[in-house]
mmCIF file of all heavy atoms, coordinates in Angstrom:
data_MODEL
# 
_entry.id   MODEL 
# 
loop_
_atom_site.group_PDB 
_atom_site.id 
_atom_site.type_symbol 
_atom_site.label_atom_id 
_atom_site.label_alt_id 
_atom_site.label_comp_id 
_atom_site.label_asym_id 
_atom_site.label_entity_id 
_atom_site.label_seq_id 
_atom_site.pdbx_PDB_ins_code 
_atom_site.Cartn_x 
_atom_site.Cartn_y 
_atom_site.Cartn_z 
_atom_site.occupancy 
_atom_site.B_iso_or_equiv 
_atom_site.pdbx_formal_charge 
_atom_site.auth_seq_id 
_atom_site.auth_comp_id 
_atom_site.auth_asym_id 
_atom_site.auth_atom_id 
_atom_site.pdbx_PDB_model_num 
ATOM 1   N N   . PHE A 1 1  ? 12.571  -9.436  1.667  1.00 0.00 ? 1  PHE A N   1 
ATOM 2   C CA  . PHE A 1 1  ? 12.500  -8.138  1.008  1.00 0.00 ? 1  PHE A CA  1 
ATOM 3   C C   . PHE A 1 1  ? 11.061  -7.803  0.611  1.00 0.00 ? 1  PHE A C   1 
ATOM 4   O O   . PHE A 1 1  ? 10.602  -6.667  0.733  1.00 0.00 ? 1  PHE A O   1 
ATOM 5   C CB  . PHE A 1 1  ? 13.401  -8.184  -0.250 1.00 0.00 ? 1  PHE A CB  1 
ATOM 6   C CG  . PHE A 1 1  ? 13.333  -6.949  -1.105 1.00 0.00 ? 1  PHE A CG  1 
ATOM 7   C CD1 . PHE A 1 1  ? 13.938  -5.769  -0.700 1.00 0.00 ? 1  PHE A CD1 1 
ATOM 8   C CD2 . PHE A 1 1  ? 12.671  -6.973  -2.332 1.00 0.00 ? 1  PHE A CD2 1 
ATOM 9   C CE1 . PHE A 1 1  ? 13.884  -4.638  -1.492 1.00 0.00 ? 1  PHE A CE1 1 
ATOM 10  C CE2 . PHE A 1 1  ? 12.618  -5.845  -3.129 1.00 0.00 ? 1  PHE A CE2 1 
ATOM 11  C CZ  . PHE A 1 1  ? 13.233  -4.669  -2.709 1.00 0.00 ? 1  PHE A CZ  1 
ATOM 12  N N   . ALA A 1 2  ? 10.318  -8.829  0.142  1.00 0.00 ? 2  ALA A N   1 
ATOM 13  C CA  . ALA A 1 2  ? 8.971   -8.603  -0.400 1.00 0.00 ? 2  ALA A CA  1 
ATOM 14  C C   . ALA A 1 2  ? 7.926   -8.380  0.687  1.00 0.00 ? 2  ALA A C   1 
ATOM 15  O O   . ALA A 1 2  ? 7.059   -7.511  0.558  1.00 0.00 ? 2  ALA A O   1 
ATOM 16  C CB  . ALA A 1 2  ? 8.560   -9.793  -1.278 1.00 0.00 ? 2  ALA A CB  1 
ATOM 17  N N   . LEU A 1 3  ? 7.973   -9.151  1.753  1.00 0.00 ? 3  LEU A N   1 
ATOM 18  C CA  . LEU A 1 3  ? 6.902   -9.107  2.761  1.00 0.00 ? 3  LEU A CA  1 
ATOM 19  C C   . LEU A 1 3  ? 6.775   -7.740  3.440  1.00 0.00 ? 3  LEU A C   1 
ATOM 20  O O   . LEU A 1 3  ? 5.650   -7.247  3.637  1.00 0.00 ? 3  LEU A O   1 
ATOM 21  C CB  . LEU A 1 3  ? 7.104   -10.220 3.785  1.00 0.00 ? 3  LEU A CB  1 
ATOM 22  C CG  . LEU A 1 3  ? 6.928   -11.649 3.228  1.00 0.00 ? 3  LEU A CG  1 
ATOM 23  C CD1 . LEU A 1 3  ? 7.200   -12.686 4.306  1.00 0.00 ? 3  LEU A CD1 1 
ATOM 24  C CD2 . LEU A 1 3  ? 5.526   -11.842 2.654  1.00 0.00 ? 3  LEU A CD2 1 
ATOM 25  N N   . PRO A 1 4  ? 7.888   -7.063  3.820  1.00 0.00 ? 4  PRO A N   1 
ATOM 26  C CA  . PRO A 1 4  ? 7.716   -5.712  4.399  1.00 0.00 ? 4  PRO A CA  1 
ATOM 27  C C   . PRO A 1 4  ? 7.073   -4.728  3.425  1.00 0.00 ? 4  PRO A C   1 
ATOM 28  O O   . PRO A 1 4  ? 6.291   -3.857  3.825  1.00 0.00 ? 4  PRO A O   1 
ATOM 29  C CB  . PRO A 1 4  ? 9.161   -5.293  4.734  1.00 0.00 ? 4  PRO A CB  1 
ATOM 30  C CG  . PRO A 1 4  ? 9.911   -6.577  4.887  1.00 0.00 ? 4  PRO A CG  1 
ATOM 31  C CD  . PRO A 1 4  ? 9.302   -7.510  3.890  1.00 0.00 ? 4  PRO A CD  1 
ATOM 32  N N   . ILE A 1 5  ? 7.407   -4.854  2.136  1.00 0.00 ? 5  ILE A N   1 
ATOM 33  C CA  . ILE A 1 5  ? 6.804   -3.965  1.136  1.00 0.00 ? 5  ILE A CA  1 
ATOM 34  C C   . ILE A 1 5  ? 5.307   -4.218  1.051  1.00 0.00 ? 5  ILE A C   1 
ATOM 35  O O   . ILE A 1 5  ? 4.497   -3.283  0.973  1.00 0.00 ? 5  ILE A O   1 
ATOM 36  C CB  . ILE A 1 5  ? 7.470   -4.165  -0.244 1.00 0.00 ? 5  ILE A CB  1 
ATOM 37  C CG1 . ILE A 1 5  ? 8.938   -3.763  -0.175 1.00 0.00 ? 5  ILE A CG1 1 
ATOM 38  C CG2 . ILE A 1 5  ? 6.746   -3.356  -1.322 1.00 0.00 ? 5  ILE A CG2 1 
ATOM 39  C CD1 . ILE A 1 5  ? 9.704   -4.010  -1.464 1.00 0.00 ? 5  ILE A CD1 1 
ATOM 40  N N   . ILE A 1 6  ? 4.918   -5.492  1.081  1.00 0.00 ? 6  ILE A N   1 
ATOM 41  C CA  . ILE A 1 6  ? 3.488   -5.842  1.044  1.00 0.00 ? 6  ILE A CA  1 
ATOM 42  C C   . ILE A 1 6  ? 2.789   -5.270  2.271  1.00 0.00 ? 6  ILE A C   1 
ATOM 43  O O   . ILE A 1 6  ? 1.693   -4.702  2.169  1.00 0.00 ? 6  ILE A O   1 
ATOM 44  C CB  . ILE A 1 6  ? 3.305   -7.367  0.961  1.00 0.00 ? 6  ILE A CB  1 
ATOM 45  C CG1 . ILE A 1 6  ? 3.833   -7.897  -0.369 1.00 0.00 ? 6  ILE A CG1 1 
ATOM 46  C CG2 . ILE A 1 6  ? 1.833   -7.751  1.138  1.00 0.00 ? 6  ILE A CG2 1 
ATOM 47  C CD1 . ILE A 1 6  ? 3.867   -9.413  -0.468 1.00 0.00 ? 6  ILE A CD1 1 
ATOM 48  N N   . ALA A 1 7  ? 3.416   -5.408  3.437  1.00 0.00 ? 7  ALA A N   1 
ATOM 49  C CA  . ALA A 1 7  ? 2.816   -4.901  4.672  1.00 0.00 ? 7  ALA A CA  1 
ATOM 50  C C   . ALA A 1 7  ? 2.619   -3.386  4.606  1.00 0.00 ? 7  ALA A C   1 
ATOM 51  O O   . ALA A 1 7  ? 1.558   -2.866  4.979  1.00 0.00 ? 7  ALA A O   1 
ATOM 52  C CB  . ALA A 1 7  ? 3.705   -5.260  5.863  1.00 0.00 ? 7  ALA A CB  1 
ATOM 53  N N   . LEU A 1 8  ? 3.639   -2.672  4.102  1.00 0.00 ? 8  LEU A N   1 
ATOM 54  C CA  . LEU A 1 8  ? 3.532   -1.220  3.970  1.00 0.00 ? 8  LEU A CA  1 
ATOM 55  C C   . LEU A 1 8  ? 2.423   -0.842  2.988  1.00 0.00 ? 8  LEU A C   1 
ATOM 56  O O   . LEU A 1 8  ? 1.610   0.058   3.245  1.00 0.00 ? 8  LEU A O   1 
ATOM 57  C CB  . LEU A 1 8  ? 4.870   -0.646  3.500  1.00 0.00 ? 8  LEU A CB  1 
ATOM 58  C CG  . LEU A 1 8  ? 4.905   0.859   3.218  1.00 0.00 ? 8  LEU A CG  1 
ATOM 59  C CD1 . LEU A 1 8  ? 4.569   1.653   4.484  1.00 0.00 ? 8  LEU A CD1 1 
ATOM 60  C CD2 . LEU A 1 8  ? 6.275   1.278   2.679  1.00 0.00 ? 8  LEU A CD2 1 
ATOM 61  N N   . GLY A 1 9  ? 2.374   -1.543  1.860  1.00 0.00 ? 9  GLY A N   1 
ATOM 62  C CA  . GLY A 1 9  ? 1.365   -1.248  0.851  1.00 0.00 ? 9  GLY A CA  1 
ATOM 63  C C   . GLY A 1 9  ? -0.040  -1.479  1.347  1.00 0.00 ? 9  GLY A C   1 
ATOM 64  O O   . GLY A 1 9  ? -0.933  -0.650  1.152  1.00 0.00 ? 9  GLY A O   1 
ATOM 65  N N   . VAL A 1 10 ? -0.252  -2.608  2.009  1.00 0.00 ? 10 VAL A N   1 
ATOM 66  C CA  . VAL A 1 10 ? -1.586  -2.917  2.553  1.00 0.00 ? 10 VAL A CA  1 
ATOM 67  C C   . VAL A 1 10 ? -1.961  -1.897  3.619  1.00 0.00 ? 10 VAL A C   1 
ATOM 68  O O   . VAL A 1 10 ? -3.124  -1.460  3.710  1.00 0.00 ? 10 VAL A O   1 
ATOM 69  C CB  . VAL A 1 10 ? -1.622  -4.348  3.121  1.00 0.00 ? 10 VAL A CB  1 
ATOM 70  C CG1 . VAL A 1 10 ? -2.925  -4.594  3.872  1.00 0.00 ? 10 VAL A CG1 1 
ATOM 71  C CG2 . VAL A 1 10 ? -1.470  -5.360  1.990  1.00 0.00 ? 10 VAL A CG2 1 
ATOM 72  N N   . GLY A 1 11 ? -0.970  -1.484  4.435  1.00 0.00 ? 11 GLY A N   1 
ATOM 73  C CA  . GLY A 1 11 ? -1.251  -0.479  5.459  1.00 0.00 ? 11 GLY A CA  1 
ATOM 74  C C   . GLY A 1 11 ? -1.748  0.828   4.848  1.00 0.00 ? 11 GLY A C   1 
ATOM 75  O O   . GLY A 1 11 ? -2.723  1.418   5.320  1.00 0.00 ? 11 GLY A O   1 
ATOM 76  N N   . LEU A 1 12 ? -1.088  1.274   3.768  1.00 0.00 ? 12 LEU A N   1 
ATOM 77  C CA  . LEU A 1 12 ? -1.529  2.494   3.079  1.00 0.00 ? 12 LEU A CA  1 
ATOM 78  C C   . LEU A 1 12 ? -2.895  2.302   2.441  1.00 0.00 ? 12 LEU A C   1 
ATOM 79  O O   . LEU A 1 12 ? -3.747  3.191   2.472  1.00 0.00 ? 12 LEU A O   1 
ATOM 80  C CB  . LEU A 1 12 ? -0.511  2.886   2.006  1.00 0.00 ? 12 LEU A CB  1 
ATOM 81  C CG  . LEU A 1 12 ? 0.851   3.416   2.483  1.00 0.00 ? 12 LEU A CG  1 
ATOM 82  C CD1 . LEU A 1 12 ? 1.795   3.596   1.311  1.00 0.00 ? 12 LEU A CD1 1 
ATOM 83  C CD2 . LEU A 1 12 ? 0.677   4.736   3.224  1.00 0.00 ? 12 LEU A CD2 1 
ATOM 84  N N   . ARG A 1 13 ? -3.096  1.117   1.876  1.00 0.00 ? 13 ARG A N   1 
ATOM 85  C CA  . ARG A 1 13 ? -4.348  0.839   1.159  1.00 0.00 ? 13 ARG A CA  1 
ATOM 86  C C   . ARG A 1 13 ? -5.535  0.800   2.115  1.00 0.00 ? 13 ARG A C   1 
ATOM 87  O O   . ARG A 1 13 ? -6.627  1.291   1.799  1.00 0.00 ? 13 ARG A O   1 
ATOM 88  C CB  . ARG A 1 13 ? -4.225  -0.517  0.439  1.00 0.00 ? 13 ARG A CB  1 
ATOM 89  C CG  . ARG A 1 13 ? -5.448  -0.953  -0.352 1.00 0.00 ? 13 ARG A CG  1 
ATOM 90  C CD  . ARG A 1 13 ? -5.593  -0.130  -1.618 1.00 0.00 ? 13 ARG A CD  1 
ATOM 91  N NE  . ARG A 1 13 ? -6.705  -0.561  -2.425 1.00 0.00 ? 13 ARG A NE  1 
ATOM 92  C CZ  . ARG A 1 13 ? -7.970  -0.247  -2.220 1.00 0.00 ? 13 ARG A CZ  1 
ATOM 93  N NH1 . ARG A 1 13 ? -8.283  0.519   -1.174 1.00 0.00 ? 13 ARG A NH1 1 
ATOM 94  N NH2 . ARG A 1 13 ? -8.928  -0.662  -3.025 1.00 0.00 ? 13 ARG A NH2 1 
ATOM 95  N N   . VAL A 1 14 ? -5.344  0.234   3.284  1.00 0.00 ? 14 VAL A N   1 
ATOM 96  C CA  . VAL A 1 14 ? -6.446  0.054   4.243  1.00 0.00 ? 14 VAL A CA  1 
ATOM 97  C C   . VAL A 1 14 ? -6.588  1.254   5.169  1.00 0.00 ? 14 VAL A C   1 
ATOM 98  O O   . VAL A 1 14 ? -7.706  1.657   5.516  1.00 0.00 ? 14 VAL A O   1 
ATOM 99  C CB  . VAL A 1 14 ? -6.226  -1.236  5.074  1.00 0.00 ? 14 VAL A CB  1 
ATOM 100 C CG1 . VAL A 1 14 ? -7.270  -1.360  6.164  1.00 0.00 ? 14 VAL A CG1 1 
ATOM 101 C CG2 . VAL A 1 14 ? -6.256  -2.462  4.160  1.00 0.00 ? 14 VAL A CG2 1 
ATOM 102 N N   . GLY A 1 15 ? -5.467  1.855   5.548  1.00 0.00 ? 15 GLY A N   1 
ATOM 103 C CA  . GLY A 1 15 ? -5.509  2.873   6.599  1.00 0.00 ? 15 GLY A CA  1 
ATOM 104 C C   . GLY A 1 15 ? -5.754  4.291   6.142  1.00 0.00 ? 15 GLY A C   1 
ATOM 105 O O   . GLY A 1 15 ? -5.963  5.173   6.981  1.00 0.00 ? 15 GLY A O   1 
ATOM 106 N N   . LEU A 1 16 ? -5.727  4.552   4.837  1.00 0.00 ? 16 LEU A N   1 
ATOM 107 C CA  . LEU A 1 16 ? -5.887  5.920   4.349  1.00 0.00 ? 16 LEU A CA  1 
ATOM 108 C C   . LEU A 1 16 ? -7.156  6.073   3.531  1.00 0.00 ? 16 LEU A C   1 
ATOM 109 O O   . LEU A 1 16 ? -7.626  5.124   2.908  1.00 0.00 ? 16 LEU A O   1 
ATOM 110 C CB  . LEU A 1 16 ? -4.675  6.325   3.483  1.00 0.00 ? 16 LEU A CB  1 
ATOM 111 C CG  . LEU A 1 16 ? -3.313  6.358   4.207  1.00 0.00 ? 16 LEU A CG  1 
ATOM 112 C CD1 . LEU A 1 16 ? -2.207  6.659   3.210  1.00 0.00 ? 16 LEU A CD1 1 
ATOM 113 C CD2 . LEU A 1 16 ? -3.312  7.395   5.327  1.00 0.00 ? 16 LEU A CD2 1 
ATOM 114 N N   . GLN A 1 17 ? -7.701  7.293   3.530  1.00 0.00 ? 17 GLN A N   1 
ATOM 115 C CA  . GLN A 1 17 ? -8.915  7.583   2.768  1.00 0.00 ? 17 GLN A CA  1 
ATOM 116 C C   . GLN A 1 17 ? -8.608  8.282   1.441  1.00 0.00 ? 17 GLN A C   1 
ATOM 117 O O   . GLN A 1 17 ? -9.409  8.207   0.514  1.00 0.00 ? 17 GLN A O   1 
ATOM 118 C CB  . GLN A 1 17 ? -9.861  8.476   3.594  1.00 0.00 ? 17 GLN A CB  1 
ATOM 119 C CG  . GLN A 1 17 ? -10.369 7.820   4.869  1.00 0.00 ? 17 GLN A CG  1 
ATOM 120 C CD  . GLN A 1 17 ? -11.156 6.544   4.586  1.00 0.00 ? 17 GLN A CD  1 
ATOM 121 O OE1 . GLN A 1 17 ? -11.981 6.507   3.675  1.00 0.00 ? 17 GLN A OE1 1 
ATOM 122 N NE2 . GLN A 1 17 ? -10.900 5.516   5.368  1.00 0.00 ? 17 GLN A NE2 1 
ATOM 123 N N   . ASP A 1 18 ? -7.471  8.956   1.384  1.00 0.00 ? 18 ASP A N   1 
ATOM 124 C CA  . ASP A 1 18 ? -7.124  9.676   0.165  1.00 0.00 ? 18 ASP A CA  1 
ATOM 125 C C   . ASP A 1 18 ? -6.947  8.695   -0.993 1.00 0.00 ? 18 ASP A C   1 
ATOM 126 O O   . ASP A 1 18 ? -6.182  7.719   -0.907 1.00 0.00 ? 18 ASP A O   1 
ATOM 127 C CB  . ASP A 1 18 ? -5.829  10.462  0.372  1.00 0.00 ? 18 ASP A CB  1 
ATOM 128 C CG  . ASP A 1 18 ? -5.436  11.265  -0.843 1.00 0.00 ? 18 ASP A CG  1 
ATOM 129 O OD1 . ASP A 1 18 ? -6.077  12.294  -1.107 1.00 0.00 ? 18 ASP A OD1 1 
ATOM 130 O OD2 . ASP A 1 18 ? -4.495  10.835  -1.545 1.00 0.00 ? 18 ASP A OD2 1 
ATOM 131 N N   . LYS A 1 19 ? -7.650  8.967   -2.093 1.00 0.00 ? 19 LYS A N   1 
ATOM 132 C CA  . LYS A 1 19 ? -7.674  8.040   -3.227 1.00 0.00 ? 19 LYS A CA  1 
ATOM 133 C C   . LYS A 1 19 ? -6.285  7.839   -3.832 1.00 0.00 ? 19 LYS A C   1 
ATOM 134 O O   . LYS A 1 19 ? -5.885  6.706   -4.141 1.00 0.00 ? 19 LYS A O   1 
ATOM 135 C CB  . LYS A 1 19 ? -8.641  8.568   -4.287 1.00 0.00 ? 19 LYS A CB  1 
ATOM 136 C CG  . LYS A 1 19 ? -8.863  7.611   -5.457 1.00 0.00 ? 19 LYS A CG  1 
ATOM 137 C CD  . LYS A 1 19 ? -9.883  8.187   -6.431 1.00 0.00 ? 19 LYS A CD  1 
ATOM 138 C CE  . LYS A 1 19 ? -10.087 7.239   -7.613 1.00 0.00 ? 19 LYS A CE  1 
ATOM 139 N NZ  . LYS A 1 19 ? -11.065 7.774   -8.584 1.00 0.00 ? 19 LYS A NZ  1 
ATOM 140 N N   . ARG A 1 20 ? -5.540  8.918   -3.984 1.00 0.00 ? 20 ARG A N   1 
ATOM 141 C CA  . ARG A 1 20 ? -4.214  8.804   -4.602 1.00 0.00 ? 20 ARG A CA  1 
ATOM 142 C C   . ARG A 1 20 ? -3.257  8.022   -3.725 1.00 0.00 ? 20 ARG A C   1 
ATOM 143 O O   . ARG A 1 20 ? -2.473  7.196   -4.213 1.00 0.00 ? 20 ARG A O   1 
ATOM 144 C CB  . ARG A 1 20 ? -3.667  10.197  -4.892 1.00 0.00 ? 20 ARG A CB  1 
ATOM 145 C CG  . ARG A 1 20 ? -4.356  10.888  -6.068 1.00 0.00 ? 20 ARG A CG  1 
ATOM 146 C CD  . ARG A 1 20 ? -3.865  12.290  -6.262 1.00 0.00 ? 20 ARG A CD  1 
ATOM 147 N NE  . ARG A 1 20 ? -2.411  12.337  -6.417 1.00 0.00 ? 20 ARG A NE  1 
ATOM 148 C CZ  . ARG A 1 20 ? -1.714  13.462  -6.457 1.00 0.00 ? 20 ARG A CZ  1 
ATOM 149 N NH1 . ARG A 1 20 ? -2.321  14.626  -6.325 1.00 0.00 ? 20 ARG A NH1 1 
ATOM 150 N NH2 . ARG A 1 20 ? -0.409  13.431  -6.616 1.00 0.00 ? 20 ARG A NH2 1 
ATOM 151 N N   . ARG A 1 21 ? -3.314  8.257   -2.391 1.00 0.00 ? 21 ARG A N   1 
ATOM 152 C CA  . ARG A 1 21 ? -2.411  7.520   -1.495 1.00 0.00 ? 21 ARG A CA  1 
ATOM 153 C C   . ARG A 1 21 ? -2.818  6.052   -1.405 1.00 0.00 ? 21 ARG A C   1 
ATOM 154 O O   . ARG A 1 21 ? -1.955  5.181   -1.268 1.00 0.00 ? 21 ARG A O   1 
ATOM 155 C CB  . ARG A 1 21 ? -2.405  8.174   -0.112 1.00 0.00 ? 21 ARG A CB  1 
ATOM 156 C CG  . ARG A 1 21 ? -1.671  9.518   -0.094 1.00 0.00 ? 21 ARG A CG  1 
ATOM 157 C CD  . ARG A 1 21 ? -1.531  10.054  1.312  1.00 0.00 ? 21 ARG A CD  1 
ATOM 158 N NE  . ARG A 1 21 ? -0.674  11.229  1.351  1.00 0.00 ? 21 ARG A NE  1 
ATOM 159 C CZ  . ARG A 1 21 ? -1.086  12.468  1.154  1.00 0.00 ? 21 ARG A CZ  1 
ATOM 160 N NH1 . ARG A 1 21 ? -2.383  12.691  0.889  1.00 0.00 ? 21 ARG A NH1 1 
ATOM 161 N NH2 . ARG A 1 21 ? -0.238  13.477  1.192  1.00 0.00 ? 21 ARG A NH2 1 
ATOM 162 N N   . ARG A 1 22 ? -4.104  5.782   -1.477 1.00 0.00 ? 22 ARG A N   1 
ATOM 163 C CA  . ARG A 1 22 ? -4.556  4.385   -1.508 1.00 0.00 ? 22 ARG A CA  1 
ATOM 164 C C   . ARG A 1 22 ? -4.064  3.698   -2.785 1.00 0.00 ? 22 ARG A C   1 
ATOM 165 O O   . ARG A 1 22 ? -3.687  2.527   -2.765 1.00 0.00 ? 22 ARG A O   1 
ATOM 166 C CB  . ARG A 1 22 ? -6.086  4.322   -1.438 1.00 0.00 ? 22 ARG A CB  1 
ATOM 167 C CG  . ARG A 1 22 ? -6.647  4.594   -0.040 1.00 0.00 ? 22 ARG A CG  1 
ATOM 168 C CD  . ARG A 1 22 ? -8.134  4.915   -0.091 1.00 0.00 ? 22 ARG A CD  1 
ATOM 169 N NE  . ARG A 1 22 ? -8.909  3.804   -0.617 1.00 0.00 ? 22 ARG A NE  1 
ATOM 170 C CZ  . ARG A 1 22 ? -9.419  2.811   0.120  1.00 0.00 ? 22 ARG A CZ  1 
ATOM 171 N NH1 . ARG A 1 22 ? -9.236  2.826   1.438  1.00 0.00 ? 22 ARG A NH1 1 
ATOM 172 N NH2 . ARG A 1 22 ? -10.112 1.845   -0.417 1.00 0.00 ? 22 ARG A NH2 1 
ATOM 173 N N   . GLY A 1 23 ? -4.049  4.453   -3.886 1.00 0.00 ? 23 GLY A N   1 
ATOM 174 C CA  . GLY A 1 23 ? -3.506  3.915   -5.129 1.00 0.00 ? 23 GLY A CA  1 
ATOM 175 C C   . GLY A 1 23 ? -2.032  3.593   -5.001 1.00 0.00 ? 23 GLY A C   1 
ATOM 176 O O   . GLY A 1 23 ? -1.548  2.570   -5.503 1.00 0.00 ? 23 GLY A O   1 
ATOM 177 N N   . LEU A 1 24 ? -1.297  4.469   -4.320 1.00 0.00 ? 24 LEU A N   1 
ATOM 178 C CA  . LEU A 1 24 ? 0.122   4.218   -4.071 1.00 0.00 ? 24 LEU A CA  1 
ATOM 179 C C   . LEU A 1 24 ? 0.309   2.965   -3.227 1.00 0.00 ? 24 LEU A C   1 
ATOM 180 O O   . LEU A 1 24 ? 1.216   2.160   -3.480 1.00 0.00 ? 24 LEU A O   1 
ATOM 181 C CB  . LEU A 1 24 ? 0.746   5.432   -3.378 1.00 0.00 ? 24 LEU A CB  1 
ATOM 182 C CG  . LEU A 1 24 ? 2.232   5.315   -3.016 1.00 0.00 ? 24 LEU A CG  1 
ATOM 183 C CD1 . LEU A 1 24 ? 3.069   5.109   -4.273 1.00 0.00 ? 24 LEU A CD1 1 
ATOM 184 C CD2 . LEU A 1 24 ? 2.694   6.554   -2.248 1.00 0.00 ? 24 LEU A CD2 1 
ATOM 185 N N   . GLY A 1 25 ? -0.570  2.787   -2.234 1.00 0.00 ? 25 GLY A N   1 
ATOM 186 C CA  . GLY A 1 25 ? -0.509  1.574   -1.414 1.00 0.00 ? 25 GLY A CA  1 
ATOM 187 C C   . GLY A 1 25 ? -0.747  0.328   -2.233 1.00 0.00 ? 25 GLY A C   1 
ATOM 188 O O   . GLY A 1 25 ? -0.061  -0.699  -2.044 1.00 0.00 ? 25 GLY A O   1 
ATOM 189 N N   . GLU A 1 26 ? -1.719  0.399   -3.155 1.00 0.00 ? 26 GLU A N   1 
ATOM 190 C CA  . GLU A 1 26 ? -1.987  -0.759  -4.017 1.00 0.00 ? 26 GLU A CA  1 
ATOM 191 C C   . GLU A 1 26 ? -0.784  -1.067  -4.902 1.00 0.00 ? 26 GLU A C   1 
ATOM 192 O O   . GLU A 1 26 ? -0.423  -2.231  -5.115 1.00 0.00 ? 26 GLU A O   1 
ATOM 193 C CB  . GLU A 1 26 ? -3.219  -0.475  -4.874 1.00 0.00 ? 26 GLU A CB  1 
ATOM 194 C CG  . GLU A 1 26 ? -3.636  -1.666  -5.734 1.00 0.00 ? 26 GLU A CG  1 
ATOM 195 C CD  . GLU A 1 26 ? -4.934  -1.423  -6.471 1.00 0.00 ? 26 GLU A CD  1 
ATOM 196 O OE1 . GLU A 1 26 ? -5.604  -0.404  -6.195 1.00 0.00 ? 26 GLU A OE1 1 
ATOM 197 O OE2 . GLU A 1 26 ? -5.294  -2.256  -7.322 1.00 0.00 ? 26 GLU A OE2 1 
ATOM 198 N N   . ALA A 1 27 ? -0.133  -0.012  -5.409 1.00 0.00 ? 27 ALA A N   1 
ATOM 199 C CA  . ALA A 1 27 ? 1.046   -0.209  -6.252 1.00 0.00 ? 27 ALA A CA  1 
ATOM 200 C C   . ALA A 1 27 ? 2.185   -0.847  -5.454 1.00 0.00 ? 27 ALA A C   1 
ATOM 201 O O   . ALA A 1 27 ? 2.877   -1.749  -5.949 1.00 0.00 ? 27 ALA A O   1 
ATOM 202 C CB  . ALA A 1 27 ? 1.500   1.128   -6.835 1.00 0.00 ? 27 ALA A CB  1 
ATOM 203 N N   . LEU A 1 28 ? 2.390   -0.398  -4.207 1.00 0.00 ? 28 LEU A N   1 
ATOM 204 C CA  . LEU A 1 28 ? 3.439   -0.989  -3.359 1.00 0.00 ? 28 LEU A CA  1 
ATOM 205 C C   . LEU A 1 28 ? 3.136   -2.450  -3.038 1.00 0.00 ? 28 LEU A C   1 
ATOM 206 O O   . LEU A 1 28 ? 4.038   -3.300  -3.035 1.00 0.00 ? 28 LEU A O   1 
ATOM 207 C CB  . LEU A 1 28 ? 3.584   -0.185  -2.067 1.00 0.00 ? 28 LEU A CB  1 
ATOM 208 C CG  . LEU A 1 28 ? 4.371   1.125   -2.154 1.00 0.00 ? 28 LEU A CG  1 
ATOM 209 C CD1 . LEU A 1 28 ? 4.277   1.887   -0.845 1.00 0.00 ? 28 LEU A CD1 1 
ATOM 210 C CD2 . LEU A 1 28 ? 5.829   0.834   -2.493 1.00 0.00 ? 28 LEU A CD2 1 
ATOM 211 N N   . THR A 1 29 ? 1.876   -2.752  -2.771 1.00 0.00 ? 29 THR A N   1 
ATOM 212 C CA  . THR A 1 29 ? 1.488   -4.138  -2.514 1.00 0.00 ? 29 THR A CA  1 
ATOM 213 C C   . THR A 1 29 ? 1.802   -5.001  -3.731 1.00 0.00 ? 29 THR A C   1 
ATOM 214 O O   . THR A 1 29 ? 2.347   -6.105  -3.611 1.00 0.00 ? 29 THR A O   1 
ATOM 215 C CB  . THR A 1 29 ? -0.017  -4.227  -2.183 1.00 0.00 ? 29 THR A CB  1 
ATOM 216 O OG1 . THR A 1 29 ? -0.304  -3.369  -1.085 1.00 0.00 ? 29 THR A OG1 1 
ATOM 217 C CG2 . THR A 1 29 ? -0.413  -5.652  -1.842 1.00 0.00 ? 29 THR A CG2 1 
ATOM 218 N N   . GLY A 1 30 ? 1.454   -4.480  -4.924 1.00 0.00 ? 30 GLY A N   1 
ATOM 219 C CA  . GLY A 1 30 ? 1.763   -5.204  -6.146 1.00 0.00 ? 30 GLY A CA  1 
ATOM 220 C C   . GLY A 1 30 ? 3.257   -5.398  -6.326 1.00 0.00 ? 30 GLY A C   1 
ATOM 221 O O   . GLY A 1 30 ? 3.713   -6.450  -6.779 1.00 0.00 ? 30 GLY A O   1 
ATOM 222 N N   . PHE A 1 31 ? 4.045   -4.375  -5.958 1.00 0.00 ? 31 PHE A N   1 
ATOM 223 C CA  . PHE A 1 31 ? 5.500   -4.466  -6.081 1.00 0.00 ? 31 PHE A CA  1 
ATOM 224 C C   . PHE A 1 31 ? 6.051   -5.583  -5.190 1.00 0.00 ? 31 PHE A C   1 
ATOM 225 O O   . PHE A 1 31 ? 6.921   -6.353  -5.597 1.00 0.00 ? 31 PHE A O   1 
ATOM 226 C CB  . PHE A 1 31 ? 6.118   -3.119  -5.703 1.00 0.00 ? 31 PHE A CB  1 
ATOM 227 C CG  . PHE A 1 31 ? 7.564   -2.980  -6.064 1.00 0.00 ? 31 PHE A CG  1 
ATOM 228 C CD1 . PHE A 1 31 ? 7.969   -3.031  -7.384 1.00 0.00 ? 31 PHE A CD1 1 
ATOM 229 C CD2 . PHE A 1 31 ? 8.520   -2.776  -5.077 1.00 0.00 ? 31 PHE A CD2 1 
ATOM 230 C CE1 . PHE A 1 31 ? 9.303   -2.893  -7.717 1.00 0.00 ? 31 PHE A CE1 1 
ATOM 231 C CE2 . PHE A 1 31 ? 9.859   -2.631  -5.400 1.00 0.00 ? 31 PHE A CE2 1 
ATOM 232 C CZ  . PHE A 1 31 ? 10.261  -2.685  -6.731 1.00 0.00 ? 31 PHE A CZ  1 
# 
């Protein structure tokens, strides 16, 4: 359950430039 969420979060964090969406990615990675 955890690993796909981490993968999605890291993808948002690394692949996007928008600050708010990168923040969302960091939050998902933490989740």
